Amino acid sequence: SNKPARADRPRRQACRAGYARQQVASNVAERLSQLDWAALERSLDEWGYAATPPLLTPAECSKLVRLYGEDGRFRSRIDMARYNFGSGEYKYFDRPLPPLIEQLRSGFYPHLAPVASRWAERLGATSYPPDLQAFLDVCAKHGQSRPTPLLLRYGAGDYNCLHQDLYGEVAFPIQLTFALSELGADYTGGEFLLIEQRPRAQSRGQAISLQLGEAVIFATRYRPVQGTRGYHRVNMRHGVSRLFSGERYTLGIIFHDAK
């Protein structure tokens, strides 16, 4: 199929059915090993994003949402309206990261590093280390040592303008967003938006609805696309459409640290 991973309704239903099986896995590494990585990589290569089945349990999502009120866990809070980023707010975690978030960040990285290195090779850039700590060491050498995983909160009327999450010279080309709230029950609207700016062509957009515990894996700033003269860069930006009602929480996993 030429559709993104998990984009069609039958596949969505199959993934929801698979949730019960994934709940049995007590650790993140086992859950990630159950994913169809070949399909996810194909979707990333073709569309610049891929959506997973639920990887977090409802209890884990609720626990992460409750962390938002624990200010001692965060290094900074951003009011989006103040900076013209949109409307809503988010908080960057401080170290040490909560264990689940640390496990997600370190667990996803080895699966995504080969994709990132393949993209870099196609664009004539340097490949990425195979493990997260080695990559963070590269970030630190460029003055980037502040953690970037974050929790985002949106209320009715809030939205996030299209942007790229860049915090210095070093950037990993792929990142994640997890849905911590239930679409239709906790909020309405608030779709994840991904815009691909193609050279000499009109931009292509995707609107992605995530169910509780699911993640969208997507290009941070650009990805390689093959043209008649080889591969070229296509810029990507992401955001969130306006919430119509309720409250929406998400977890962002960014692999590069910030200055």
C-alpha atoms as a PDB file:
ATOM      1  CA  SER A   1       0.000   0.000   0.000  1.00  0.00           C
ATOM      2  CA  ASN A   2       1.133   3.574  -0.655  1.00  0.00           C
ATOM      3  CA  LYS A   3      -0.689   4.901   2.403  1.00  0.00           C
ATOM      4  CA  PRO A   4       1.112   5.884   5.606  1.00  0.00           C
ATOM      5  CA  ALA A   5       1.384   3.184   8.247  1.00  0.00           C
ATOM      6  CA  ARG A   6      -1.950   2.790  10.127  1.00  0.00           C
ATOM      7  CA  ALA A   7      -3.729   5.437   8.046  1.00  0.00           C
ATOM      8  CA  ASP A   8      -6.736   3.341   6.933  1.00  0.00           C
ATOM      9  CA  ARG A   9      -9.657   2.355   9.132  1.00  0.00           C
ATOM     10  CA  PRO A  10      -9.130  -1.468   9.016  1.00  0.00           C
ATOM     11  CA  ARG A  11      -5.518  -1.016  10.086  1.00  0.00           C
ATOM     12  CA  ARG A  12      -6.582   1.373  12.862  1.00  0.00           C
ATOM     13  CA  GLN A  13      -9.047  -1.250  14.142  1.00  0.00           C
ATOM     14  CA  ALA A  14      -6.385  -3.950  13.960  1.00  0.00           C
ATOM     15  CA  CYS A  15      -4.016  -1.775  15.949  1.00  0.00           C
ATOM     16  CA  ARG A  16      -6.658  -1.114  18.587  1.00  0.00           C
ATOM     17  CA  ALA A  17      -7.199  -4.880  18.817  1.00  0.00           C
ATOM     18  CA  GLY A  18      -3.455  -5.295  19.243  1.00  0.00           C
ATOM     19  CA  TYR A  19      -3.471  -2.892  22.187  1.00  0.00           C
ATOM     20  CA  ALA A  20      -4.475  -5.671  24.599  1.00  0.00           C
ATOM     21  CA  ARG A  21      -1.458  -7.708  23.491  1.00  0.00           C
ATOM     22  CA  GLN A  22       0.860  -4.728  23.946  1.00  0.00           C
ATOM     23  CA  GLN A  23      -0.500  -4.021  27.434  1.00  0.00           C
ATOM     24  CA  VAL A  24       1.009  -7.340  28.533  1.00  0.00           C
ATOM     25  CA  ALA A  25       4.497  -6.048  27.730  1.00  0.00           C
ATOM     26  CA  SER A  26       5.695  -4.429  30.933  1.00  0.00           C
ATOM     27  CA  ASN A  27       8.750  -2.671  29.502  1.00  0.00           C
ATOM     28  CA  VAL A  28       9.164  -0.225  26.661  1.00  0.00           C
ATOM     29  CA  ALA A  29      11.820  -2.244  24.829  1.00  0.00           C
ATOM     30  CA  GLU A  30       9.445  -5.204  24.450  1.00  0.00           C
ATOM     31  CA  ARG A  31       6.623  -2.977  23.199  1.00  0.00           C
ATOM     32  CA  LEU A  32       8.892  -1.382  20.607  1.00  0.00           C
ATOM     33  CA  SER A  33      10.136  -4.781  19.453  1.00  0.00           C
ATOM     34  CA  GLN A  34       6.531  -5.699  18.574  1.00  0.00           C
ATOM     35  CA  LEU A  35       6.161  -2.824  16.108  1.00  0.00           C
ATOM     36  CA  ASP A  36       6.285  -3.399  12.352  1.00  0.00           C
ATOM     37  CA  TRP A  37       9.424  -1.338  11.798  1.00  0.00           C
ATOM     38  CA  ALA A  38       9.632  -2.150   8.097  1.00  0.00           C
ATOM     39  CA  ALA A  39       6.172  -0.599   7.553  1.00  0.00           C
ATOM     40  CA  LEU A  40       7.009   2.386   9.752  1.00  0.00           C
ATOM     41  CA  GLU A  41      10.225   3.042   7.814  1.00  0.00           C
ATOM     42  CA  ARG A  42       8.403   2.827   4.477  1.00  0.00           C
ATOM     43  CA  SER A  43       5.873   5.378   5.702  1.00  0.00           C
ATOM     44  CA  LEU A  44       8.615   7.705   6.962  1.00  0.00           C
ATOM     45  CA  ASP A  45      10.430   7.481   3.631  1.00  0.00           C
ATOM     46  CA  GLU A  46       7.309   8.086   1.542  1.00  0.00           C
ATOM     47  CA  TRP A  47       5.290  10.506   3.672  1.00  0.00           C
ATOM     48  CA  GLY A  48       7.661  11.902   6.278  1.00  0.00           C
ATOM     49  CA  TYR A  49       5.652  10.400   9.133  1.00  0.00           C
ATOM     50  CA  ALA A  50       4.312   7.136  10.519  1.00  0.00           C
ATOM     51  CA  ALA A  51       1.725   6.450  13.229  1.00  0.00           C
ATOM     52  CA  THR A  52       2.021   3.643  15.755  1.00  0.00           C
ATOM     53  CA  PRO A  53      -0.622   1.590  17.554  1.00  0.00           C
ATOM     54  CA  PRO A  54      -1.108   2.454  21.240  1.00  0.00           C
ATOM     55  CA  LEU A  55       2.215   2.123  23.051  1.00  0.00           C
ATOM     56  CA  LEU A  56       1.217   3.705  26.362  1.00  0.00           C
ATOM     57  CA  THR A  57      -1.530   2.348  28.602  1.00  0.00           C
ATOM     58  CA  PRO A  58      -4.348   4.644  29.772  1.00  0.00           C
ATOM     59  CA  ALA A  59      -2.837   4.537  33.278  1.00  0.00           C
ATOM     60  CA  GLU A  60       0.560   5.623  31.937  1.00  0.00           C
ATOM     61  CA  CYS A  61      -1.040   8.460  29.983  1.00  0.00           C
ATOM     62  CA  SER A  62      -2.883   9.660  33.087  1.00  0.00           C
ATOM     63  CA  LYS A  63       0.301   9.511  35.139  1.00  0.00           C
ATOM     64  CA  LEU A  64       2.161  11.625  32.589  1.00  0.00           C
ATOM     65  CA  VAL A  65      -0.677  14.178  32.506  1.00  0.00           C
ATOM     66  CA  ARG A  66      -0.525  14.483  36.308  1.00  0.00           C
ATOM     67  CA  LEU A  67       3.181  15.351  36.043  1.00  0.00           C
ATOM     68  CA  TYR A  68       2.173  18.635  34.403  1.00  0.00           C
ATOM     69  CA  GLY A  69       1.252  20.027  37.818  1.00  0.00           C
ATOM     70  CA  GLU A  70       4.580  19.072  39.399  1.00  0.00           C
ATOM     71  CA  ASP A  71       6.647  22.166  38.641  1.00  0.00           C
ATOM     72  CA  GLY A  72       9.816  20.756  40.192  1.00  0.00           C
ATOM     73  CA  ARG A  73      10.142  18.367  37.254  1.00  0.00           C
ATOM     74  CA  PHE A  74      10.488  21.061  34.585  1.00  0.00           C
ATOM     75  CA  ARG A  75      13.231  23.461  33.540  1.00  0.00           C
ATOM     76  CA  SER A  76      10.962  25.965  31.773  1.00  0.00           C
ATOM     77  CA  ARG A  77       7.355  26.797  30.861  1.00  0.00           C
ATOM     78  CA  ILE A  78       6.389  28.418  27.548  1.00  0.00           C
ATOM     79  CA  ASP A  79       3.219  30.454  27.018  1.00  0.00           C
ATOM     80  CA  MET A  80       2.673  30.083  23.260  1.00  0.00           C
ATOM     81  CA  ALA A  81       0.695  33.309  22.875  1.00  0.00           C
ATOM     82  CA  ARG A  82       3.502  35.358  24.416  1.00  0.00           C
ATOM     83  CA  TYR A  83       5.893  34.309  21.642  1.00  0.00           C
ATOM     84  CA  ASN A  84       3.314  34.185  18.826  1.00  0.00           C
ATOM     85  CA  PHE A  85       3.685  30.396  18.685  1.00  0.00           C
ATOM     86  CA  GLY A  86      -0.080  29.917  18.858  1.00  0.00           C
ATOM     87  CA  SER A  87      -2.240  29.470  21.975  1.00  0.00           C
ATOM     88  CA  GLY A  88      -1.667  27.008  24.804  1.00  0.00           C
ATOM     89  CA  GLU A  89       1.418  26.157  26.805  1.00  0.00           C
ATOM     90  CA  TYR A  90       4.128  23.563  27.240  1.00  0.00           C
ATOM     91  CA  LYS A  91       6.844  22.626  29.722  1.00  0.00           C
ATOM     92  CA  TYR A  92      10.309  21.184  29.113  1.00  0.00           C
ATOM     93  CA  PHE A  93      11.378  18.446  31.512  1.00  0.00           C
ATOM     94  CA  ASP A  94      14.529  18.875  33.558  1.00  0.00           C
ATOM     95  CA  ARG A  95      16.944  16.056  34.333  1.00  0.00           C
ATOM     96  CA  PRO A  96      16.559  13.453  35.584  1.00  0.00           C
ATOM     97  CA  LEU A  97      13.780  12.647  33.142  1.00  0.00           C
ATOM     98  CA  PRO A  98      10.873  10.542  34.436  1.00  0.00           C
ATOM     99  CA  PRO A  99      11.787   6.850  33.932  1.00  0.00           C
ATOM    100  CA  LEU A 100       9.094   6.174  31.317  1.00  0.00           C
ATOM    101  CA  ILE A 101      10.166   9.162  29.221  1.00  0.00           C
ATOM    102  CA  GLU A 102      13.819   8.168  29.519  1.00  0.00           C
ATOM    103  CA  GLN A 103      12.923   4.652  28.374  1.00  0.00           C
ATOM    104  CA  LEU A 104      10.935   5.943  25.397  1.00  0.00           C
ATOM    105  CA  ARG A 105      13.710   8.300  24.324  1.00  0.00           C
ATOM    106  CA  SER A 106      16.507   5.754  24.645  1.00  0.00           C
ATOM    107  CA  GLY A 107      14.350   2.915  23.294  1.00  0.00           C
ATOM    108  CA  PHE A 108      13.154   4.627  20.120  1.00  0.00           C
ATOM    109  CA  TYR A 109      16.529   6.102  19.178  1.00  0.00           C
ATOM    110  CA  PRO A 110      18.295   2.865  18.052  1.00  0.00           C
ATOM    111  CA  HIS A 111      15.345   2.033  15.795  1.00  0.00           C
ATOM    112  CA  LEU A 112      15.321   5.484  14.208  1.00  0.00           C
ATOM    113  CA  ALA A 113      19.080   6.102  13.942  1.00  0.00           C
ATOM    114  CA  PRO A 114      19.432   3.845  10.838  1.00  0.00           C
ATOM    115  CA  VAL A 115      16.630   5.786   9.117  1.00  0.00           C
ATOM    116  CA  ALA A 116      18.261   9.082  10.084  1.00  0.00           C
ATOM    117  CA  SER A 117      21.642   7.899   8.782  1.00  0.00           C
ATOM    118  CA  ARG A 118      20.094   6.714   5.521  1.00  0.00           C
ATOM    119  CA  TRP A 119      18.451  10.105   5.064  1.00  0.00           C
ATOM    120  CA  ALA A 120      21.763  11.825   5.831  1.00  0.00           C
ATOM    121  CA  GLU A 121      23.621   9.673   3.310  1.00  0.00           C
ATOM    122  CA  ARG A 122      21.097  10.511   0.603  1.00  0.00           C
ATOM    123  CA  LEU A 123      21.650  14.216   1.278  1.00  0.00           C
ATOM    124  CA  GLY A 124      25.426  14.011   1.573  1.00  0.00           C
ATOM    125  CA  ALA A 125      25.469  14.617   5.331  1.00  0.00           C
ATOM    126  CA  THR A 126      27.089  12.869   8.301  1.00  0.00           C
ATOM    127  CA  SER A 127      25.456   9.742   9.741  1.00  0.00           C
ATOM    128  CA  TYR A 128      24.214   9.447  13.325  1.00  0.00           C
ATOM    129  CA  PRO A 129      25.628   7.381  16.230  1.00  0.00           C
ATOM    130  CA  PRO A 130      23.806   4.078  16.879  1.00  0.00           C
ATOM    131  CA  ASP A 131      22.900   4.843  20.525  1.00  0.00           C
ATOM    132  CA  LEU A 132      21.353   7.856  22.209  1.00  0.00           C
ATOM    133  CA  GLN A 133      24.122   8.644  24.689  1.00  0.00           C
ATOM    134  CA  ALA A 134      26.703   8.850  21.914  1.00  0.00           C
ATOM    135  CA  PHE A 135      24.441  11.286  20.074  1.00  0.00           C
ATOM    136  CA  LEU A 136      23.883  13.371  23.220  1.00  0.00           C
ATOM    137  CA  ASP A 137      27.652  13.546  23.618  1.00  0.00           C
ATOM    138  CA  VAL A 138      27.773  15.132  20.149  1.00  0.00           C
ATOM    139  CA  CYS A 139      25.101  17.618  21.242  1.00  0.00           C
ATOM    140  CA  ALA A 140      27.094  18.468  24.375  1.00  0.00           C
ATOM    141  CA  LYS A 141      30.220  19.192  22.323  1.00  0.00           C
ATOM    142  CA  HIS A 142      28.165  21.851  20.495  1.00  0.00           C
ATOM    143  CA  GLY A 143      26.918  23.438  23.717  1.00  0.00           C
ATOM    144  CA  GLN A 144      23.562  21.608  23.701  1.00  0.00           C
ATOM    145  CA  SER A 145      23.004  19.959  27.076  1.00  0.00           C
ATOM    146  CA  ARG A 146      19.466  20.871  28.180  1.00  0.00           C
ATOM    147  CA  PRO A 147      16.845  18.097  27.771  1.00  0.00           C
ATOM    148  CA  THR A 148      14.047  18.686  25.252  1.00  0.00           C
ATOM    149  CA  PRO A 149      11.239  16.168  26.033  1.00  0.00           C
ATOM    150  CA  LEU A 150       8.130  18.182  26.871  1.00  0.00           C
ATOM    151  CA  LEU A 151       4.487  18.067  27.878  1.00  0.00           C
ATOM    152  CA  LEU A 152       2.028  20.243  25.944  1.00  0.00           C
ATOM    153  CA  ARG A 153      -1.410  21.371  27.128  1.00  0.00           C
ATOM    154  CA  TYR A 154      -4.165  22.814  24.929  1.00  0.00           C
ATOM    155  CA  GLY A 155      -7.607  24.044  25.931  1.00  0.00           C
ATOM    156  CA  ALA A 156     -10.621  25.033  23.844  1.00  0.00           C
ATOM    157  CA  GLY A 157      -9.551  27.500  21.156  1.00  0.00           C
ATOM    158  CA  ASP A 158      -5.825  26.704  21.496  1.00  0.00           C
ATOM    159  CA  TYR A 159      -3.588  25.724  18.593  1.00  0.00           C
ATOM    160  CA  ASN A 160       0.087  25.446  17.658  1.00  0.00           C
ATOM    161  CA  CYS A 161       1.522  27.308  14.673  1.00  0.00           C
ATOM    162  CA  LEU A 162       3.542  25.402  12.087  1.00  0.00           C
ATOM    163  CA  HIS A 163       7.162  25.181  13.217  1.00  0.00           C
ATOM    164  CA  GLN A 164      10.342  23.113  13.511  1.00  0.00           C
ATOM    165  CA  ASP A 165      11.891  22.067  16.830  1.00  0.00           C
ATOM    166  CA  LEU A 166      15.500  23.207  16.441  1.00  0.00           C
ATOM    167  CA  TYR A 167      17.592  24.115  19.479  1.00  0.00           C
ATOM    168  CA  GLY A 168      21.120  24.539  18.132  1.00  0.00           C
ATOM    169  CA  GLU A 169      23.498  23.403  15.440  1.00  0.00           C
ATOM    170  CA  VAL A 170      22.861  19.687  16.035  1.00  0.00           C
ATOM    171  CA  ALA A 171      19.419  18.231  15.298  1.00  0.00           C
ATOM    172  CA  PHE A 172      18.165  14.678  14.960  1.00  0.00           C
ATOM    173  CA  PRO A 173      15.921  14.508  11.861  1.00  0.00           C
ATOM    174  CA  ILE A 174      13.072  12.504  13.439  1.00  0.00           C
ATOM    175  CA  GLN A 175      10.939  13.048  16.554  1.00  0.00           C
ATOM    176  CA  LEU A 176       7.746  11.768  18.239  1.00  0.00           C
ATOM    177  CA  THR A 177       4.472  13.002  19.694  1.00  0.00           C
ATOM    178  CA  PHE A 178       2.320  10.819  21.977  1.00  0.00           C
ATOM    179  CA  ALA A 179      -1.398  11.387  22.583  1.00  0.00           C
ATOM    180  CA  LEU A 180      -2.116  11.478  26.326  1.00  0.00           C
ATOM    181  CA  SER A 181      -5.792  12.475  25.973  1.00  0.00           C
ATOM    182  CA  GLU A 182      -8.681  10.628  24.317  1.00  0.00           C
ATOM    183  CA  LEU A 183     -10.007  12.172  21.115  1.00  0.00           C
ATOM    184  CA  GLY A 184     -13.774  12.610  21.294  1.00  0.00           C
ATOM    185  CA  ALA A 185     -13.917  12.010  25.051  1.00  0.00           C
ATOM    186  CA  ASP A 186     -11.416  14.541  26.422  1.00  0.00           C
ATOM    187  CA  TYR A 187     -11.400  16.980  23.497  1.00  0.00           C
ATOM    188  CA  THR A 188     -12.533  17.636  19.930  1.00  0.00           C
ATOM    189  CA  GLY A 189     -10.512  19.175  17.084  1.00  0.00           C
ATOM    190  CA  GLY A 190      -6.795  19.459  17.768  1.00  0.00           C
ATOM    191  CA  GLU A 191      -5.444  17.389  14.887  1.00  0.00           C
ATOM    192  CA  PHE A 192      -1.701  16.994  14.451  1.00  0.00           C
ATOM    193  CA  LEU A 193      -0.670  18.871  11.297  1.00  0.00           C
ATOM    194  CA  LEU A 194       2.318  18.125   9.068  1.00  0.00           C
ATOM    195  CA  ILE A 195       3.182  20.291   6.071  1.00  0.00           C
ATOM    196  CA  GLU A 196       5.662  19.290   3.371  1.00  0.00           C
ATOM    197  CA  GLN A 197       7.037  22.236   1.368  1.00  0.00           C
ATOM    198  CA  ARG A 198       8.010  20.782  -1.993  1.00  0.00           C
ATOM    199  CA  PRO A 199      10.346  22.709  -4.313  1.00  0.00           C
ATOM    200  CA  ARG A 200       8.655  24.146  -7.408  1.00  0.00           C
ATOM    201  CA  ALA A 201       5.340  22.604  -6.307  1.00  0.00           C
ATOM    202  CA  GLN A 202       2.462  23.336  -3.968  1.00  0.00           C
ATOM    203  CA  SER A 203       2.843  22.239  -0.358  1.00  0.00           C
ATOM    204  CA  ARG A 204       1.349  18.931   0.759  1.00  0.00           C
ATOM    205  CA  GLY A 205      -0.429  18.679   4.114  1.00  0.00           C
ATOM    206  CA  GLN A 206      -1.472  15.868   6.428  1.00  0.00           C
ATOM    207  CA  ALA A 207      -3.975  16.061   9.305  1.00  0.00           C
ATOM    208  CA  ILE A 208      -3.430  13.176  11.727  1.00  0.00           C
ATOM    209  CA  SER A 209      -5.813  12.174  14.511  1.00  0.00           C
ATOM    210  CA  LEU A 210      -4.182  10.195  17.321  1.00  0.00           C
ATOM    211  CA  GLN A 211      -5.943   7.899  19.751  1.00  0.00           C
ATOM    212  CA  LEU A 212      -4.945   7.577  23.408  1.00  0.00           C
ATOM    213  CA  GLY A 213      -1.423   6.175  23.796  1.00  0.00           C
ATOM    214  CA  GLU A 214      -0.584   6.303  20.096  1.00  0.00           C
ATOM    215  CA  ALA A 215       2.443   8.117  18.701  1.00  0.00           C
ATOM    216  CA  VAL A 216       3.212   9.863  15.450  1.00  0.00           C
ATOM    217  CA  ILE A 217       6.840   9.651  14.293  1.00  0.00           C
ATOM    218  CA  PHE A 218       7.737  12.481  11.941  1.00  0.00           C
ATOM    219  CA  ALA A 219      10.500  14.450  10.235  1.00  0.00           C
ATOM    220  CA  THR A 220      11.886  17.271  12.372  1.00  0.00           C
ATOM    221  CA  ARG A 221      12.884  19.751   9.642  1.00  0.00           C
ATOM    222  CA  TYR A 222      13.480  18.019   6.290  1.00  0.00           C
ATOM    223  CA  ARG A 223      13.688  14.630   4.615  1.00  0.00           C
ATOM    224  CA  PRO A 224      15.158  13.320   1.352  1.00  0.00           C
ATOM    225  CA  VAL A 225      12.895  12.892  -1.656  1.00  0.00           C
ATOM    226  CA  GLN A 226      14.074  11.376  -4.912  1.00  0.00           C
ATOM    227  CA  GLY A 227      13.722  13.505  -8.021  1.00  0.00           C
ATOM    228  CA  THR A 228      14.894  13.186 -11.603  1.00  0.00           C
ATOM    229  CA  ARG A 229      18.420  14.255 -10.595  1.00  0.00           C
ATOM    230  CA  GLY A 230      18.750  12.312  -7.384  1.00  0.00           C
ATOM    231  CA  TYR A 231      17.680  13.113  -3.849  1.00  0.00           C
ATOM    232  CA  HIS A 232      16.848  16.617  -2.652  1.00  0.00           C
ATOM    233  CA  ARG A 233      15.684  18.120   0.639  1.00  0.00           C
ATOM    234  CA  VAL A 234      12.020  18.695   1.324  1.00  0.00           C
ATOM    235  CA  ASN A 235      11.265  20.950   4.299  1.00  0.00           C
ATOM    236  CA  MET A 236       8.746  19.788   6.897  1.00  0.00           C
ATOM    237  CA  ARG A 237       6.853  21.767   9.532  1.00  0.00           C
ATOM    238  CA  HIS A 238       4.338  20.588  12.107  1.00  0.00           C
ATOM    239  CA  GLY A 239       1.671  22.063  14.338  1.00  0.00           C
ATOM    240  CA  VAL A 240      -1.761  21.462  15.887  1.00  0.00           C
ATOM    241  CA  SER A 241      -5.151  22.619  14.604  1.00  0.00           C
ATOM    242  CA  ARG A 242      -7.556  24.550  16.842  1.00  0.00           C
ATOM    243  CA  LEU A 243      -9.267  22.653  19.646  1.00  0.00           C
ATOM    244  CA  PHE A 244     -13.047  22.991  19.563  1.00  0.00           C
ATOM    245  CA  SER A 245     -13.648  21.754  23.108  1.00  0.00           C
ATOM    246  CA  GLY A 246     -12.040  20.069  26.093  1.00  0.00           C
ATOM    247  CA  GLU A 247      -8.384  19.704  27.008  1.00  0.00           C
ATOM    248  CA  ARG A 248      -5.597  17.946  25.090  1.00  0.00           C
ATOM    249  CA  TYR A 249      -2.256  16.782  26.516  1.00  0.00           C
ATOM    250  CA  THR A 250       0.611  15.390  24.467  1.00  0.00           C
ATOM    251  CA  LEU A 251       4.152  14.221  25.146  1.00  0.00           C
ATOM    252  CA  GLY A 252       6.888  15.319  22.770  1.00  0.00           C
ATOM    253  CA  ILE A 253      10.068  13.245  22.460  1.00  0.00           C
ATOM    254  CA  ILE A 254      12.883  15.181  20.794  1.00  0.00           C
ATOM    255  CA  PHE A 255      16.263  13.455  20.634  1.00  0.00           C
ATOM    256  CA  HIS A 256      18.664  16.397  20.370  1.00  0.00           C
ATOM    257  CA  ASP A 257      19.315  18.502  23.453  1.00  0.00           C
ATOM    258  CA  ALA A 258      19.071  22.309  23.528  1.00  0.00           C
ATOM    259  CA  LYS A 259      21.554  25.114  24.176  1.00  0.00           C
END
